[in-house]
C-alpha atoms as a PDB file:
ATOM      1  CA  MET A   1      91.830  80.977 127.845  1.00  0.00           C
ATOM      2  CA  PRO A   2      91.834  76.974 127.645  1.00  0.00           C
ATOM      3  CA  LEU A   3      88.652  76.893 129.581  1.00  0.00           C
ATOM      4  CA  VAL A   4      86.572  79.400 127.715  1.00  0.00           C
ATOM      5  CA  CYS A   5      88.093  77.659 124.658  1.00  0.00           C
ATOM      6  CA  GLN A   6      86.171  74.771 125.740  1.00  0.00           C
ATOM      7  CA  LEU A   7      82.788  77.000 126.175  1.00  0.00           C
ATOM      8  CA  LEU A   8      82.761  77.360 122.341  1.00  0.00           C
ATOM      9  CA  GLY A   9      81.357  73.872 122.055  1.00  0.00           C
ATOM     10  CA  SER A  10      79.057  74.077 124.435  1.00  0.00           C
ATOM     11  CA  ARG A  11      75.463  72.834 124.326  1.00  0.00           C
ATOM     12  CA  SER A  12      74.097  76.205 125.829  1.00  0.00           C
ATOM     13  CA  SER A  13      74.001  78.851 123.534  1.00  0.00           C
ATOM     14  CA  THR A  14      74.789  81.499 126.375  1.00  0.00           C
ATOM     15  CA  ASP A  15      78.013  79.782 127.206  1.00  0.00           C
ATOM     16  CA  VAL A  16      79.030  80.263 123.619  1.00  0.00           C
ATOM     17  CA  LEU A  17      77.652  83.607 122.945  1.00  0.00           C
ATOM     18  CA  GLU A  18      79.679  84.775 126.174  1.00  0.00           C
ATOM     19  CA  ALA A  19      82.824  82.925 125.030  1.00  0.00           C
ATOM     20  CA  ILE A  20      82.571  84.844 121.747  1.00  0.00           C
ATOM     21  CA  GLU A  21      82.515  88.209 123.335  1.00  0.00           C
ATOM     22  CA  PHE A  22      84.971  87.276 125.798  1.00  0.00           C
ATOM     23  CA  PHE A  23      87.689  86.595 122.944  1.00  0.00           C
ATOM     24  CA  ALA A  24      86.785  89.495 120.779  1.00  0.00           C
ATOM     25  CA  THR A  25      87.201  91.742 123.900  1.00  0.00           C
ATOM     26  CA  ALA A  26      90.505  90.014 124.888  1.00  0.00           C
ATOM     27  CA  ALA A  27      91.667  90.547 121.187  1.00  0.00           C
ATOM     28  CA  GLU A  28      90.898  94.040 121.194  1.00  0.00           C
ATOM     29  CA  PHE A  29      92.872  94.684 124.241  1.00  0.00           C
ATOM     30  CA  HIS A  30      95.795  91.956 122.646  1.00  0.00           C
ATOM     31  CA  VAL A  31      95.653  89.930 125.648  1.00  0.00           C
ATOM     32  CA  SER A  32      97.921  86.356 124.968  1.00  0.00           C
ATOM     33  CA  GLY A  33      96.207  83.807 123.321  1.00  0.00           C
ATOM     34  CA  ALA A  34      92.994  85.545 122.678  1.00  0.00           C
ATOM     35  CA  VAL A  35      93.721  85.043 118.774  1.00  0.00           C
ATOM     36  CA  VAL A  36      93.569  81.469 119.390  1.00  0.00           C
ATOM     37  CA  GLY A  37      89.943  81.448 120.612  1.00  0.00           C
ATOM     38  CA  VAL A  38      89.215  84.020 117.602  1.00  0.00           C
ATOM     39  CA  ARG A  39      90.230  81.545 115.161  1.00  0.00           C
ATOM     40  CA  ARG A  40      88.601  78.415 117.047  1.00  0.00           C
ATOM     41  CA  ALA A  41      85.489  80.610 117.448  1.00  0.00           C
ATOM     42  CA  LEU A  42      85.416  80.928 113.405  1.00  0.00           C
ATOM     43  CA  VAL A  43      83.989  77.106 112.653  1.00  0.00           C
ATOM     44  CA  LEU A  44      80.738  78.528 114.545  1.00  0.00           C
ATOM     45  CA  VAL A  45      79.883  80.062 111.358  1.00  0.00           C
ATOM     46  CA  TRP A  46      77.996  76.758 110.645  1.00  0.00           C
ATOM     47  CA  SER A  47      76.083  76.647 113.919  1.00  0.00           C
ATOM     48  CA  LYS A  48      72.710  76.174 113.424  1.00  0.00           C
ATOM     49  CA  GLU A  49      71.477  78.859 115.813  1.00  0.00           C
ATOM     50  CA  GLN A  50      71.017  82.218 114.686  1.00  0.00           C
ATOM     51  CA  PRO A  51      72.377  83.963 117.416  1.00  0.00           C
ATOM     52  CA  ILE A  52      75.715  82.421 117.408  1.00  0.00           C
ATOM     53  CA  ARG A  53      76.238  83.450 113.754  1.00  0.00           C
ATOM     54  CA  GLU A  54      75.101  86.506 114.217  1.00  0.00           C
ATOM     55  CA  ALA A  55      77.792  87.089 117.302  1.00  0.00           C
ATOM     56  CA  LEU A  56      80.379  85.552 115.600  1.00  0.00           C
ATOM     57  CA  SER A  57      79.699  87.898 112.208  1.00  0.00           C
ATOM     58  CA  ALA A  58      79.762  91.059 114.855  1.00  0.00           C
ATOM     59  CA  ALA A  59      82.667  90.137 116.587  1.00  0.00           C
ATOM     60  CA  TYR A  60      84.856  89.474 113.270  1.00  0.00           C
ATOM     61  CA  ARG A  61      83.577  92.839 111.783  1.00  0.00           C
ATOM     62  CA  ARG A  62      84.580  94.900 115.151  1.00  0.00           C
ATOM     63  CA  LEU A  63      87.884  92.956 115.148  1.00  0.00           C
ATOM     64  CA  TYR A  64      89.041  92.964 111.194  1.00  0.00           C
ATOM     65  CA  LEU A  65      86.565  95.493 109.192  1.00  0.00           C
ATOM     66  CA  GLU A  66      85.794  98.256 111.590  1.00  0.00           C
ATOM     67  CA  THR A  67      88.891 101.059 111.907  1.00  0.00           C
ATOM     68  CA  GLY A  68      87.688 102.795 115.206  1.00  0.00           C
ATOM     69  CA  ASP A  69      87.783 106.039 112.896  1.00  0.00           C
ATOM     70  CA  ASP A  70      84.888 108.096 112.683  1.00  0.00           C
ATOM     71  CA  ASP A  71      85.657 110.717 110.499  1.00  0.00           C
ATOM     72  CA  ALA A  72      85.974 109.266 106.861  1.00  0.00           C
ATOM     73  CA  GLY A  73      85.696 112.542 105.131  1.00  0.00           C
ATOM     74  CA  ALA A  74      89.218 112.969 103.849  1.00  0.00           C
ATOM     75  CA  ALA A  75      90.476 110.930 101.085  1.00  0.00           C
ATOM     76  CA  GLY A  76      93.758 110.693 102.829  1.00  0.00           C
ATOM     77  CA  ASN A  77      92.026 109.194 106.155  1.00  0.00           C
ATOM     78  CA  GLN A  78      89.619 106.928 104.203  1.00  0.00           C
ATOM     79  CA  ARG A  79      92.736 105.384 102.258  1.00  0.00           C
ATOM     80  CA  ALA A  80      94.259 104.959 105.741  1.00  0.00           C
ATOM     81  CA  GLN A  81      91.318 103.193 107.434  1.00  0.00           C
ATOM     82  CA  THR A  82      91.555 100.850 103.961  1.00  0.00           C
ATOM     83  CA  LEU A  83      94.782 100.218 104.874  1.00  0.00           C
ATOM     84  CA  THR A  84      94.319  98.998 107.917  1.00  0.00           C
ATOM     85  CA  VAL A  85      91.203  96.852 107.129  1.00  0.00           C
ATOM     86  CA  VAL A  86      93.796  95.205 104.582  1.00  0.00           C
ATOM     87  CA  LYS A  87      96.213  94.581 107.040  1.00  0.00           C
ATOM     88  CA  ASN A  88      93.946  92.880 109.452  1.00  0.00           C
ATOM     89  CA  LEU A  89      92.532  90.858 106.569  1.00  0.00           C
ATOM     90  CA  THR A  90      95.902  89.925 105.806  1.00  0.00           C
ATOM     91  CA  ALA A  91      96.863  88.566 109.174  1.00  0.00           C
ATOM     92  CA  LEU A  92      93.532  86.803 109.671  1.00  0.00           C
ATOM     93  CA  ILE A  93      94.431  84.354 106.905  1.00  0.00           C
ATOM     94  CA  ASP A  94      97.957  84.267 107.437  1.00  0.00           C
ATOM     95  CA  GLY A  95      98.733  80.524 108.677  1.00  0.00           C
ATOM     96  CA  ALA A  96      95.084  80.018 108.360  1.00  0.00           C
ATOM     97  CA  THR A  97      93.994  76.255 107.608  1.00  0.00           C
ATOM     98  CA  LEU A  98      91.748  75.573 104.763  1.00  0.00           C
ATOM     99  CA  ALA A  99      88.767  74.754 107.294  1.00  0.00           C
ATOM    100  CA  GLU A 100      89.749  78.302 108.348  1.00  0.00           C
ATOM    101  CA  LEU A 101      89.471  79.871 105.144  1.00  0.00           C
ATOM    102  CA  THR A 102      86.354  77.915 104.129  1.00  0.00           C
ATOM    103  CA  SER A 103      84.666  79.311 107.312  1.00  0.00           C
ATOM    104  CA  LEU A 104      85.765  82.564 106.281  1.00  0.00           C
ATOM    105  CA  GLU A 105      84.595  82.601 103.292  1.00  0.00           C
ATOM    106  CA  GLN A 106      80.995  81.491 104.748  1.00  0.00           C
ATOM    107  CA  LEU A 107      81.469  84.295 106.879  1.00  0.00           C
END
């Protein structure tokens, strides 16, 4: 994990994009230490390169805003999806630094 965290600061945008994708996938599979990489990637929202910002936005949307339930027809199911999103966002901001909160606001 530390090596992939270093790739987040690489000059090569391909390295950065692959590192973002790695951490997002690792977090989905609950790999130990993946959340640290996801949080460190958050500062990339200030990147000058549009593909990096888009990849970061997609990764955070996938991890924290999408519930994975496609059937949103029933009111109870929609309520459960909303509750899941609230729990995800609460876990994200819990223990976040001021810099991370500012980056989240930008994201």
